[in-house]
PDB file of N, CA and C in Angstrom:
ATOM      1  N   MET A   1      20.510-162.830 -80.910  1.00  0.00           N
ATOM      2  CA  MET A   1      21.293-163.979 -81.317  1.00  0.00           C
ATOM      3  C   MET A   1      20.658-165.241 -80.730  1.00  0.00           C
ATOM      4  N   PRO A   2      20.206-166.160 -81.574  1.00  0.00           N
ATOM      5  CA  PRO A   2      19.593-167.383 -81.058  1.00  0.00           C
ATOM      6  C   PRO A   2      20.633-168.287 -80.401  1.00  0.00           C
ATOM      7  N   THR A   3      20.228-168.920 -79.333  1.00  0.00           N
ATOM      8  CA  THR A   3      21.090-169.842 -78.624  1.00  0.00           C
ATOM      9  C   THR A   3      20.730-171.261 -79.039  1.00  0.00           C
ATOM     10  N   ILE A   4      21.742-172.083 -79.243  1.00  0.00           N
ATOM     11  CA  ILE A   4      21.498-173.473 -79.613  1.00  0.00           C
ATOM     12  C   ILE A   4      20.891-174.203 -78.418  1.00  0.00           C
ATOM     13  N   PHE A   5      19.814-174.886 -78.675  1.00  0.00           N
ATOM     14  CA  PHE A   5      19.148-175.672 -77.638  1.00  0.00           C
ATOM     15  C   PHE A   5      19.342-177.135 -78.003  1.00  0.00           C
ATOM     16  N   ASP A   6      20.537-177.630 -77.690  1.00  0.00           N
ATOM     17  CA  ASP A   6      20.922-178.975 -78.082  1.00  0.00           C
ATOM     18  C   ASP A   6      20.517-179.998 -77.021  1.00  0.00           C
ATOM     19  N   ASP A   7      20.919-181.247 -77.241  1.00  0.00           N
ATOM     20  CA  ASP A   7      20.544-182.324 -76.318  1.00  0.00           C
ATOM     21  C   ASP A   7      21.045-182.072 -74.904  1.00  0.00           C
ATOM     22  N   GLU A   8      22.236-181.519 -74.772  1.00  0.00           N
ATOM     23  CA  GLU A   8      22.773-181.245 -73.435  1.00  0.00           C
ATOM     24  C   GLU A   8      21.953-180.166 -72.732  1.00  0.00           C
ATOM     25  N   ALA A   9      21.581-179.130 -73.460  1.00  0.00           N
ATOM     26  CA  ALA A   9      20.745-178.077 -72.867  1.00  0.00           C
ATOM     27  C   ALA A   9      19.385-178.638 -72.464  1.00  0.00           C
ATOM     28  N   ARG A  10      18.828-179.499 -73.275  1.00  0.00           N
ATOM     29  CA  ARG A  10      17.545-180.129 -72.935  1.00  0.00           C
ATOM     30  C   ARG A  10      17.670-180.939 -71.644  1.00  0.00           C
ATOM     31  N   ALA A  11      18.752-181.708 -71.544  1.00  0.00           N
ATOM     32  CA  ALA A  11      18.954-182.529 -70.343  1.00  0.00           C
ATOM     33  C   ALA A  11      19.146-181.653 -69.110  1.00  0.00           C
ATOM     34  N   GLU A  12      19.880-180.560 -69.247  1.00  0.00           N
ATOM     35  CA  GLU A  12      20.085-179.658 -68.113  1.00  0.00           C
ATOM     36  C   GLU A  12      18.775-179.004 -67.687  1.00  0.00           C
ATOM     37  N   MET A  13      17.978-178.596 -68.657  1.00  0.00           N
ATOM     38  CA  MET A  13      16.689-177.984 -68.328  1.00  0.00           C
ATOM     39  C   MET A  13      15.778-179.000 -67.643  1.00  0.00           C
ATOM     40  N   LEU A  14      15.722-180.203 -68.182  1.00  0.00           N
ATOM     41  CA  LEU A  14      14.886-181.242 -67.582  1.00  0.00           C
ATOM     42  C   LEU A  14      15.351-181.552 -66.164  1.00  0.00           C
ATOM     43  N   CYS A  15      16.639-181.649 -65.964  1.00  0.00           N
ATOM     44  CA  CYS A  15      17.192-181.916 -64.635  1.00  0.00           C
ATOM     45  C   CYS A  15      16.785-180.810 -63.659  1.00  0.00           C
ATOM     46  N   TYR A  16      16.902-179.571 -64.082  1.00  0.00           N
ATOM     47  CA  TYR A  16      16.533-178.429 -63.243  1.00  0.00           C
ATOM     48  C   TYR A  16      15.051-178.489 -62.870  1.00  0.00           C
ATOM     49  N   LEU A  17      14.210-178.811 -63.831  1.00  0.00           N
ATOM     50  CA  LEU A  17      12.775-178.882 -63.567  1.00  0.00           C
ATOM     51  C   LEU A  17      12.430-180.053 -62.651  1.00  0.00           C
ATOM     52  N   VAL A  18      13.078-181.184 -62.851  1.00  0.00           N
ATOM     53  CA  VAL A  18      12.838-182.340 -61.987  1.00  0.00           C
ATOM     54  C   VAL A  18      13.234-182.011 -60.552  1.00  0.00           C
ATOM     55  N   VAL A  19      14.389-181.402 -60.376  1.00  0.00           N
ATOM     56  CA  VAL A  19      14.815-181.036 -59.022  1.00  0.00           C
ATOM     57  C   VAL A  19      13.859-179.992 -58.438  1.00  0.00           C
ATOM     58  N   GLY A  20      13.377-179.089 -59.263  1.00  0.00           N
ATOM     59  CA  GLY A  20      12.375-178.135 -58.798  1.00  0.00           C
ATOM     60  C   GLY A  20      11.121-178.831 -58.294  1.00  0.00           C
ATOM     61  N   GLU A  21      10.709-179.868 -58.997  1.00  0.00           N
ATOM     62  CA  GLU A  21       9.564-180.668 -58.552  1.00  0.00           C
ATOM     63  C   GLU A  21       9.857-181.326 -57.202  1.00  0.00           C
ATOM     64  N   LEU A  22      11.065-181.850 -57.051  1.00  0.00           N
ATOM     65  CA  LEU A  22      11.439-182.502 -55.792  1.00  0.00           C
ATOM     66  C   LEU A  22      11.457-181.509 -54.634  1.00  0.00           C
ATOM     67  N   VAL A  23      11.934-180.304 -54.906  1.00  0.00           N
ATOM     68  CA  VAL A  23      11.946-179.267 -53.868  1.00  0.00           C
ATOM     69  C   VAL A  23      10.509-178.938 -53.456  1.00  0.00           C
ATOM     70  N   ALA A  24       9.630-178.793 -54.428  1.00  0.00           N
ATOM     71  CA  ALA A  24       8.228-178.505 -54.112  1.00  0.00           C
ATOM     72  C   ALA A  24       7.622-179.618 -53.267  1.00  0.00           C
ATOM     73  N   MET A  25       7.895-180.854 -53.627  1.00  0.00           N
ATOM     74  CA  MET A  25       7.348-181.982 -52.875  1.00  0.00           C
ATOM     75  C   MET A  25       7.879-181.987 -51.442  1.00  0.00           C
ATOM     76  N   ALA A  26       9.169-181.713 -51.281  1.00  0.00           N
ATOM     77  CA  ALA A  26       9.764-181.701 -49.941  1.00  0.00           C
ATOM     78  C   ALA A  26       9.201-180.559 -49.092  1.00  0.00           C
ATOM     79  N   ARG A  27       8.962-179.429 -49.713  1.00  0.00           N
ATOM     80  CA  ARG A  27       8.507-178.252 -48.960  1.00  0.00           C
ATOM     81  C   ARG A  27       7.013-178.247 -48.688  1.00  0.00           C
ATOM     82  N   THR A  28       6.220-178.740 -49.649  1.00  0.00           N
ATOM     83  CA  THR A  28       4.770-178.587 -49.533  1.00  0.00           C
ATOM     84  C   THR A  28       4.001-179.899 -49.489  1.00  0.00           C
ATOM     85  N   GLY A  29       4.648-180.987 -49.882  1.00  0.00           N
ATOM     86  CA  GLY A  29       3.945-182.260 -49.967  1.00  0.00           C
ATOM     87  C   GLY A  29       3.181-182.430 -51.268  1.00  0.00           C
ATOM     88  N   ASP A  30       3.338-181.483 -52.189  1.00  0.00           N
ATOM     89  CA  ASP A  30       2.671-181.547 -53.496  1.00  0.00           C
ATOM     90  C   ASP A  30       3.661-181.223 -54.605  1.00  0.00           C
ATOM     91  N   TRP A  31       3.348-181.728 -55.797  1.00  0.00           N
ATOM     92  CA  TRP A  31       4.131-181.367 -56.971  1.00  0.00           C
ATOM     93  C   TRP A  31       3.771-179.945 -57.387  1.00  0.00           C
ATOM     94  N   LEU A  32       4.620-179.345 -58.200  1.00  0.00           N
ATOM     95  CA  LEU A  32       4.354-177.997 -58.694  1.00  0.00           C
ATOM     96  C   LEU A  32       3.105-177.974 -59.572  1.00  0.00           C
ATOM     97  N   ARG A  33       2.373-176.881 -59.485  1.00  0.00           N
ATOM     98  CA  ARG A  33       1.281-176.663 -60.430  1.00  0.00           C
ATOM     99  C   ARG A  33       1.902-176.391 -61.795  1.00  0.00           C
ATOM    100  N   THR A  34       1.137-176.615 -62.836  1.00  0.00           N
ATOM    101  CA  THR A  34       1.640-176.437 -64.197  1.00  0.00           C
ATOM    102  C   THR A  34       2.173-175.031 -64.427  1.00  0.00           C
ATOM    103  N   ASP A  35       1.458-174.012 -63.958  1.00  0.00           N
ATOM    104  CA  ASP A  35       1.919-172.644 -64.187  1.00  0.00           C
ATOM    105  C   ASP A  35       3.236-172.369 -63.471  1.00  0.00           C
ATOM    106  N   HIS A  36       3.440-172.980 -62.314  1.00  0.00           N
ATOM    107  CA  HIS A  36       4.711-172.804 -61.608  1.00  0.00           C
ATOM    108  C   HIS A  36       5.845-173.529 -62.328  1.00  0.00           C
ATOM    109  N   LEU A  37       5.542-174.678 -62.889  1.00  0.00           N
ATOM    110  CA  LEU A  37       6.556-175.423 -63.632  1.00  0.00           C
ATOM    111  C   LEU A  37       6.947-174.674 -64.908  1.00  0.00           C
ATOM    112  N   VAL A  38       5.970-174.087 -65.566  1.00  0.00           N
ATOM    113  CA  VAL A  38       6.264-173.273 -66.752  1.00  0.00           C
ATOM    114  C   VAL A  38       7.116-172.072 -66.355  1.00  0.00           C
ATOM    115  N   GLU A  39       6.781-171.429 -65.240  1.00  0.00           N
ATOM    116  CA  GLU A  39       7.579-170.291 -64.763  1.00  0.00           C
ATOM    117  C   GLU A  39       9.002-170.729 -64.431  1.00  0.00           C
ATOM    118  N   LEU A  40       9.152-171.893 -63.822  1.00  0.00           N
ATOM    119  CA  LEU A  40      10.482-172.409 -63.508  1.00  0.00           C
ATOM    120  C   LEU A  40      11.282-172.650 -64.787  1.00  0.00           C
ATOM    121  N   SER A  41      10.611-173.104 -65.833  1.00  0.00           N
ATOM    122  CA  SER A  41      11.312-173.292 -67.112  1.00  0.00           C
ATOM    123  C   SER A  41      11.783-171.947 -67.664  1.00  0.00           C
ATOM    124  N   LEU A  42      10.985-170.911 -67.487  1.00  0.00           N
ATOM    125  CA  LEU A  42      11.387-169.576 -67.942  1.00  0.00           C
ATOM    126  C   LEU A  42      12.577-169.056 -67.142  1.00  0.00           C
ATOM    127  N   VAL A  43      12.604-169.347 -65.849  1.00  0.00           N
ATOM    128  CA  VAL A  43      13.745-168.960 -65.006  1.00  0.00           C
ATOM    129  C   VAL A  43      15.012-169.623 -65.537  1.00  0.00           C
ATOM    130  N   TRP A  44      14.928-170.924 -65.819  1.00  0.00           N
ATOM    131  CA  TRP A  44      16.093-171.646 -66.340  1.00  0.00           C
ATOM    132  C   TRP A  44      16.530-171.058 -67.685  1.00  0.00           C
ATOM    133  N   MET A  45      15.569-170.785 -68.552  1.00  0.00           N
ATOM    134  CA  MET A  45      15.892-170.247 -69.875  1.00  0.00           C
ATOM    135  C   MET A  45      16.606-168.901 -69.769  1.00  0.00           C
ATOM    136  N   ARG A  46      16.105-168.020 -68.909  1.00  0.00           N
ATOM    137  CA  ARG A  46      16.744-166.707 -68.740  1.00  0.00           C
ATOM    138  C   ARG A  46      18.156-166.857 -68.179  1.00  0.00           C
ATOM    139  N   ALA A  47      18.316-167.733 -67.208  1.00  0.00           N
ATOM    140  CA  ALA A  47      19.628-167.914 -66.579  1.00  0.00           C
ATOM    141  C   ALA A  47      20.645-168.522 -67.534  1.00  0.00           C
ATOM    142  N   ASN A  48      20.157-169.265 -68.516  1.00  0.00           N
ATOM    143  CA  ASN A  48      21.060-169.974 -69.421  1.00  0.00           C
ATOM    144  C   ASN A  48      21.064-169.424 -70.842  1.00  0.00           C
ATOM    145  N   GLY A  49      20.336-168.355 -71.071  1.00  0.00           N
ATOM    146  CA  GLY A  49      20.311-167.748 -72.401  1.00  0.00           C
ATOM    147  C   GLY A  49      19.718-168.649 -73.461  1.00  0.00           C
ATOM    148  N   ALA A  50      18.827-169.524 -73.060  1.00  0.00           N
ATOM    149  CA  ALA A  50      18.222-170.469 -74.000  1.00  0.00           C
ATOM    150  C   ALA A  50      16.900-169.924 -74.515  1.00  0.00           C
ATOM    151  N   ASN A  51      16.584-170.293 -75.733  1.00  0.00           N
ATOM    152  CA  ASN A  51      15.328-169.864 -76.335  1.00  0.00           C
ATOM    153  C   ASN A  51      14.753-170.998 -77.182  1.00  0.00           C
ATOM    154  N   PRO A  52      14.331-172.086 -76.510  1.00  0.00           N
ATOM    155  CA  PRO A  52      13.784-173.210 -77.280  1.00  0.00           C
ATOM    156  C   PRO A  52      12.414-172.862 -77.851  1.00  0.00           C
ATOM    157  N   GLU A  53      12.036-173.596 -78.876  1.00  0.00           N
ATOM    158  CA  GLU A  53      10.679-173.451 -79.391  1.00  0.00           C
ATOM    159  C   GLU A  53       9.709-173.860 -78.294  1.00  0.00           C
ATOM    160  N   TRP A  54       8.533-173.267 -78.282  1.00  0.00           N
ATOM    161  CA  TRP A  54       7.592-173.505 -77.190  1.00  0.00           C
ATOM    162  C   TRP A  54       7.190-174.966 -77.101  1.00  0.00           C
ATOM    163  N   ARG A  55       7.064-175.653 -78.224  1.00  0.00           N
ATOM    164  CA  ARG A  55       6.678-177.071 -78.174  1.00  0.00           C
ATOM    165  C   ARG A  55       7.748-177.913 -77.500  1.00  0.00           C
ATOM    166  N   ASP A  56       8.990-177.590 -77.775  1.00  0.00           N
ATOM    167  CA  ASP A  56      10.101-178.300 -77.146  1.00  0.00           C
ATOM    168  C   ASP A  56      10.084-178.060 -75.636  1.00  0.00           C
ATOM    169  N   ARG A  57       9.882-176.809 -75.251  1.00  0.00           N
ATOM    170  CA  ARG A  57       9.854-176.460 -73.826  1.00  0.00           C
ATOM    171  C   ARG A  57       8.700-177.159 -73.114  1.00  0.00           C
ATOM    172  N   ILE A  58       7.534-177.156 -73.714  1.00  0.00           N
ATOM    173  CA  ILE A  58       6.373-177.796 -73.084  1.00  0.00           C
ATOM    174  C   ILE A  58       6.582-179.307 -72.987  1.00  0.00           C
ATOM    175  N   GLY A  59       7.210-179.892 -73.989  1.00  0.00           N
ATOM    176  CA  GLY A  59       7.514-181.326 -73.926  1.00  0.00           C
ATOM    177  C   GLY A  59       8.437-181.655 -72.762  1.00  0.00           C
ATOM    178  N   ILE A  60       9.411-180.800 -72.523  1.00  0.00           N
ATOM    179  CA  ILE A  60      10.339-181.012 -71.413  1.00  0.00           C
ATOM    180  C   ILE A  60       9.620-180.817 -70.076  1.00  0.00           C
ATOM    181  N   VAL A  61       8.742-179.835 -70.006  1.00  0.00           N
ATOM    182  CA  VAL A  61       7.953-179.627 -68.786  1.00  0.00           C
ATOM    183  C   VAL A  61       7.120-180.871 -68.489  1.00  0.00           C
ATOM    184  N   ARG A  62       6.498-181.429 -69.497  1.00  0.00           N
ATOM    185  CA  ARG A  62       5.697-182.653 -69.305  1.00  0.00           C
ATOM    186  C   ARG A  62       6.567-183.812 -68.833  1.00  0.00           C
ATOM    187  N   MET A  63       7.747-183.939 -69.418  1.00  0.00           N
ATOM    188  CA  MET A  63       8.659-185.002 -68.993  1.00  0.00           C
ATOM    189  C   MET A  63       9.041-184.843 -67.530  1.00  0.00           C
ATOM    190  N   ALA A  64       9.255-183.611 -67.101  1.00  0.00           N
ATOM    191  CA  ALA A  64       9.632-183.358 -65.706  1.00  0.00           C
ATOM    192  C   ALA A  64       8.550-183.854 -64.761  1.00  0.00           C
ATOM    193  N   VAL A  65       7.307-183.630 -65.130  1.00  0.00           N
ATOM    194  CA  VAL A  65       6.187-184.090 -64.308  1.00  0.00           C
ATOM    195  C   VAL A  65       6.235-185.608 -64.170  1.00  0.00           C
ATOM    196  N   ASP A  66       6.466-186.288 -65.277  1.00  0.00           N
ATOM    197  CA  ASP A  66       6.494-187.753 -65.265  1.00  0.00           C
ATOM    198  C   ASP A  66       7.733-188.308 -64.571  1.00  0.00           C
ATOM    199  N   LEU A  67       8.861-187.669 -64.780  1.00  0.00           N
ATOM    200  CA  LEU A  67      10.132-188.197 -64.293  1.00  0.00           C
ATOM    201  C   LEU A  67      10.385-187.914 -62.816  1.00  0.00           C
ATOM    202  N   ALA A  68       9.815-186.857 -62.289  1.00  0.00           N
ATOM    203  CA  ALA A  68      10.101-186.465 -60.901  1.00  0.00           C
ATOM    204  C   ALA A  68       9.776-187.573 -59.904  1.00  0.00           C
ATOM    205  N   SER A  69       8.654-188.234 -60.077  1.00  0.00           N
ATOM    206  CA  SER A  69       8.297-189.293 -59.124  1.00  0.00           C
ATOM    207  C   SER A  69       9.257-190.476 -59.228  1.00  0.00           C
ATOM    208  N   ASP A  70       9.747-190.758 -60.431  1.00  0.00           N
ATOM    209  CA  ASP A  70      10.735-191.835 -60.594  1.00  0.00           C
ATOM    210  C   ASP A  70      12.045-191.483 -59.896  1.00  0.00           C
ATOM    211  N   ILE A  71      12.485-190.240 -60.054  1.00  0.00           N
ATOM    212  CA  ILE A  71      13.726-189.796 -59.414  1.00  0.00           C
ATOM    213  C   ILE A  71      13.558-189.807 -57.897  1.00  0.00           C
ATOM    214  N   LEU A  72      12.397-189.384 -57.431  1.00  0.00           N
ATOM    215  CA  LEU A  72      12.122-189.410 -55.992  1.00  0.00           C
ATOM    216  C   LEU A  72      12.204-190.838 -55.460  1.00  0.00           C
ATOM    217  N   ALA A  73      11.594-191.768 -56.163  1.00  0.00           N
ATOM    218  CA  ALA A  73      11.610-193.167 -55.729  1.00  0.00           C
ATOM    219  C   ALA A  73      13.023-193.755 -55.790  1.00  0.00           C
ATOM    220  N   THR A  74      13.790-193.369 -56.785  1.00  0.00           N
ATOM    221  CA  THR A  74      15.134-193.912 -56.960  1.00  0.00           C
ATOM    222  C   THR A  74      16.113-193.379 -55.920  1.00  0.00           C
ATOM    223  N   PHE A  75      16.089-192.072 -55.690  1.00  0.00           N
ATOM    224  CA  PHE A  75      17.106-191.452 -54.843  1.00  0.00           C
ATOM    225  C   PHE A  75      16.599-191.041 -53.465  1.00  0.00           C
ATOM    226  N   GLY A  76      15.292-191.066 -53.263  1.00  0.00           N
ATOM    227  CA  GLY A  76      14.733-190.760 -51.951  1.00  0.00           C
ATOM    228  C   GLY A  76      15.013-189.355 -51.448  1.00  0.00           C
ATOM    229  N   LEU A  77      15.089-188.408 -52.346  1.00  0.00           N
ATOM    230  CA  LEU A  77      15.363-187.018 -51.961  1.00  0.00           C
ATOM    231  C   LEU A  77      14.078-186.378 -51.449  1.00  0.00           C
ATOM    232  N   ARG A  78      13.794-186.583 -50.179  1.00  0.00           N
ATOM    233  CA  ARG A  78      12.516-186.150 -49.619  1.00  0.00           C
ATOM    234  C   ARG A  78      12.610-184.950 -48.692  1.00  0.00           C
ATOM    235  N   SER A  79      13.812-184.585 -48.279  1.00  0.00           N
ATOM    236  CA  SER A  79      13.925-183.476 -47.326  1.00  0.00           C
ATOM    237  C   SER A  79      14.556-182.255 -47.984  1.00  0.00           C
ATOM    238  N   GLU A  80      14.177-181.093 -47.473  1.00  0.00           N
ATOM    239  CA  GLU A  80      14.769-179.850 -47.967  1.00  0.00           C
ATOM    240  C   GLU A  80      16.273-179.854 -47.744  1.00  0.00           C
ATOM    241  N   LYS A  81      16.695-180.408 -46.624  1.00  0.00           N
ATOM    242  CA  LYS A  81      18.123-180.447 -46.299  1.00  0.00           C
ATOM    243  C   LYS A  81      18.899-181.260 -47.340  1.00  0.00           C
ATOM    244  N   ALA A  82      18.378-182.414 -47.708  1.00  0.00           N
ATOM    245  CA  ALA A  82      19.040-183.247 -48.718  1.00  0.00           C
ATOM    246  C   ALA A  82      19.063-182.547 -50.071  1.00  0.00           C
ATOM    247  N   LEU A  83      17.979-181.888 -50.414  1.00  0.00           N
ATOM    248  CA  LEU A  83      17.897-181.208 -51.702  1.00  0.00           C
ATOM    249  C   LEU A  83      18.778-179.964 -51.751  1.00  0.00           C
ATOM    250  N   ALA A  84      18.935-179.287 -50.628  1.00  0.00           N
ATOM    251  CA  ALA A  84      19.783-178.087 -50.592  1.00  0.00           C
ATOM    252  C   ALA A  84      21.218-178.415 -50.973  1.00  0.00           C
ATOM    253  N   LEU A  85      21.654-179.634 -50.691  1.00  0.00           N
ATOM    254  CA  LEU A  85      23.024-180.043 -51.009  1.00  0.00           C
ATOM    255  C   LEU A  85      23.268-180.170 -52.514  1.00  0.00           C
ATOM    256  N   LEU A  86      22.197-180.158 -53.298  1.00  0.00           N
ATOM    257  CA  LEU A  86      22.324-180.287 -54.749  1.00  0.00           C
ATOM    258  C   LEU A  86      22.636-178.963 -55.436  1.00  0.00           C
ATOM    259  N   PHE A  87      22.582-177.871 -54.677  1.00  0.00           N
ATOM    260  CA  PHE A  87      22.737-176.539 -55.253  1.00  0.00           C
ATOM    261  C   PHE A  87      24.024-175.873 -54.794  1.00  0.00           C
ATOM    262  N   THR A  88      24.532-174.979 -55.650  1.00  0.00           N
ATOM    263  CA  THR A  88      25.644-174.115 -55.264  1.00  0.00           C
ATOM    264  C   THR A  88      25.074-172.965 -54.444  1.00  0.00           C
ATOM    265  N   ASN A  89      25.938-172.149 -53.897  1.00  0.00           N
ATOM    266  CA  ASN A  89      25.474-170.973 -53.156  1.00  0.00           C
ATOM    267  C   ASN A  89      24.730-169.997 -54.059  1.00  0.00           C
ATOM    268  N   GLY A  90      24.978-170.067 -55.355  1.00  0.00           N
ATOM    269  CA  GLY A  90      24.314-169.183 -56.305  1.00  0.00           C
ATOM    270  C   GLY A  90      22.973-169.706 -56.788  1.00  0.00           C
ATOM    271  N   GLY A  91      22.541-170.835 -56.266  1.00  0.00           N
ATOM    272  CA  GLY A  91      21.237-171.371 -56.634  1.00  0.00           C
ATOM    273  C   GLY A  91      21.220-172.233 -57.882  1.00  0.00           C
ATOM    274  N   ARG A  92      22.373-172.511 -58.441  1.00  0.00           N
ATOM    275  CA  ARG A  92      22.450-173.399 -59.604  1.00  0.00           C
ATOM    276  C   ARG A  92      22.701-174.821 -59.133  1.00  0.00           C
ATOM    277  N   LEU A  93      22.295-175.782 -59.945  1.00  0.00           N
ATOM    278  CA  LEU A  93      22.597-177.169 -59.609  1.00  0.00           C
ATOM    279  C   LEU A  93      24.105-177.362 -59.630  1.00  0.00           C
ATOM    280  N   ASP A  94      24.596-178.095 -58.657  1.00  0.00           N
ATOM    281  CA  ASP A  94      26.035-178.344 -58.529  1.00  0.00           C
ATOM    282  C   ASP A  94      26.344-179.707 -59.142  1.00  0.00           C
ATOM    283  N   TYR A  95      26.842-179.685 -60.362  1.00  0.00           N
ATOM    284  CA  TYR A  95      27.092-180.930 -61.090  1.00  0.00           C
ATOM    285  C   TYR A  95      28.280-181.711 -60.536  1.00  0.00           C
ATOM    286  N   ARG A  96      28.960-181.171 -59.540  1.00  0.00           N
ATOM    287  CA  ARG A  96      30.021-181.929 -58.862  1.00  0.00           C
ATOM    288  C   ARG A  96      29.430-182.908 -57.853  1.00  0.00           C
ATOM    289  N   VAL A  97      28.175-182.709 -57.487  1.00  0.00           N
ATOM    290  CA  VAL A  97      27.493-183.589 -56.536  1.00  0.00           C
ATOM    291  C   VAL A  97      27.011-184.828 -57.300  1.00  0.00           C
ATOM    292  N   PRO A  98      27.415-186.017 -56.865  1.00  0.00           N
ATOM    293  CA  PRO A  98      27.051-187.232 -57.607  1.00  0.00           C
ATOM    294  C   PRO A  98      25.551-187.386 -57.878  1.00  0.00           C
ATOM    295  N   LEU A  99      24.701-187.035 -56.929  1.00  0.00           N
ATOM    296  CA  LEU A  99      23.258-187.172 -57.160  1.00  0.00           C
ATOM    297  C   LEU A  99      22.758-186.258 -58.277  1.00  0.00           C
ATOM    298  N   VAL A 100      23.375-185.106 -58.424  1.00  0.00           N
ATOM    299  CA  VAL A 100      22.997-184.221 -59.530  1.00  0.00           C
ATOM    300  C   VAL A 100      23.392-184.878 -60.848  1.00  0.00           C
ATOM    301  N   GLY A 101      24.595-185.424 -60.893  1.00  0.00           N
ATOM    302  CA  GLY A 101      25.039-186.118 -62.103  1.00  0.00           C
ATOM    303  C   GLY A 101      24.158-187.305 -62.441  1.00  0.00           C
ATOM    304  N   GLN A 102      23.770-188.057 -61.438  1.00  0.00           N
ATOM    305  CA  GLN A 102      22.907-189.216 -61.669  1.00  0.00           C
ATOM    306  C   GLN A 102      21.514-188.785 -62.123  1.00  0.00           C
ATOM    307  N   THR A 103      21.011-187.712 -61.541  1.00  0.00           N
ATOM    308  CA  THR A 103      19.709-187.186 -61.964  1.00  0.00           C
ATOM    309  C   THR A 103      19.793-186.696 -63.404  1.00  0.00           C
ATOM    310  N   HIS A 104      20.866-185.986 -63.713  1.00  0.00           N
ATOM    311  CA  HIS A 104      21.084-185.508 -65.081  1.00  0.00           C
ATOM    312  C   HIS A 104      21.148-186.683 -66.052  1.00  0.00           C
ATOM    313  N   ASP A 105      21.865-187.731 -65.681  1.00  0.00           N
ATOM    314  CA  ASP A 105      21.970-188.902 -66.554  1.00  0.00           C
ATOM    315  C   ASP A 105      20.598-189.536 -66.789  1.00  0.00           C
ATOM    316  N   GLY A 106      19.789-189.605 -65.734  1.00  0.00           N
ATOM    317  CA  GLY A 106      18.432-190.130 -65.881  1.00  0.00           C
ATOM    318  C   GLY A 106      17.591-189.267 -66.807  1.00  0.00           C
ATOM    319  N   CYS A 107      17.783-187.967 -66.709  1.00  0.00           N
ATOM    320  CA  CYS A 107      17.059-187.042 -67.583  1.00  0.00           C
ATOM    321  C   CYS A 107      17.508-187.195 -69.033  1.00  0.00           C
ATOM    322  N   ALA A 108      18.812-187.298 -69.237  1.00  0.00           N
ATOM    323  CA  ALA A 108      19.339-187.468 -70.594  1.00  0.00           C
ATOM    324  C   ALA A 108      18.832-188.773 -71.208  1.00  0.00           C
ATOM    325  N   ALA A 109      18.796-189.827 -70.402  1.00  0.00           N
ATOM    326  CA  ALA A 109      18.297-191.115 -70.895  1.00  0.00           C
ATOM    327  C   ALA A 109      16.818-191.014 -71.263  1.00  0.00           C
ATOM    328  N   ARG A 110      16.053-190.318 -70.453  1.00  0.00           N
ATOM    329  CA  ARG A 110      14.619-190.146 -70.739  1.00  0.00           C
ATOM    330  C   ARG A 110      14.417-189.375 -72.039  1.00  0.00           C
ATOM    331  N   LEU A 111      15.223-188.361 -72.255  1.00  0.00           N
ATOM    332  CA  LEU A 111      15.125-187.588 -73.494  1.00  0.00           C
ATOM    333  C   LEU A 111      15.483-188.439 -74.712  1.00  0.00           C
ATOM    334  N   GLN A 112      16.429-189.340 -74.555  1.00  0.00           N
ATOM    335  CA  GLN A 112      16.827-190.210 -75.668  1.00  0.00           C
ATOM    336  C   GLN A 112      15.694-191.153 -76.068  1.00  0.00           C
ATOM    337  N   ARG A 113      14.873-191.532 -75.089  1.00  0.00           N
ATOM    338  CA  ARG A 113      13.750-192.440 -75.374  1.00  0.00           C
ATOM    339  C   ARG A 113      12.561-191.712 -75.987  1.00  0.00           C
ATOM    340  N   ALA A 114      12.554-190.396 -75.882  1.00  0.00           N
ATOM    341  CA  ALA A 114      11.394-189.617 -76.370  1.00  0.00           C
ATOM    342  C   ALA A 114      11.388-189.508 -77.882  1.00  0.00           C
TER     343      ALA A 114
END
């Protein structure tokens, strides 16, 4: 059964990938390698039952690369401790946390401009 990959799903996936980039930067001082970012997108897809076309997925991965540095500059999420607060105990982004909502909004806005 195909899952709808609508604008909200795109924004959630982009948000997850951007935060993944921020976690990598906080932990290692470097952004994720492309293969790791693609793997992270597959993790999100499996967890959410999404099956976007590969071109759509790759476009979102590219956006995450571009957007992560902007989000870092805007919100200053540089430490693992600060980033850990963005997640639930189950490892999902906690949309009750204002910074997650703001990051999501930035991602949704970026997708609208694409």
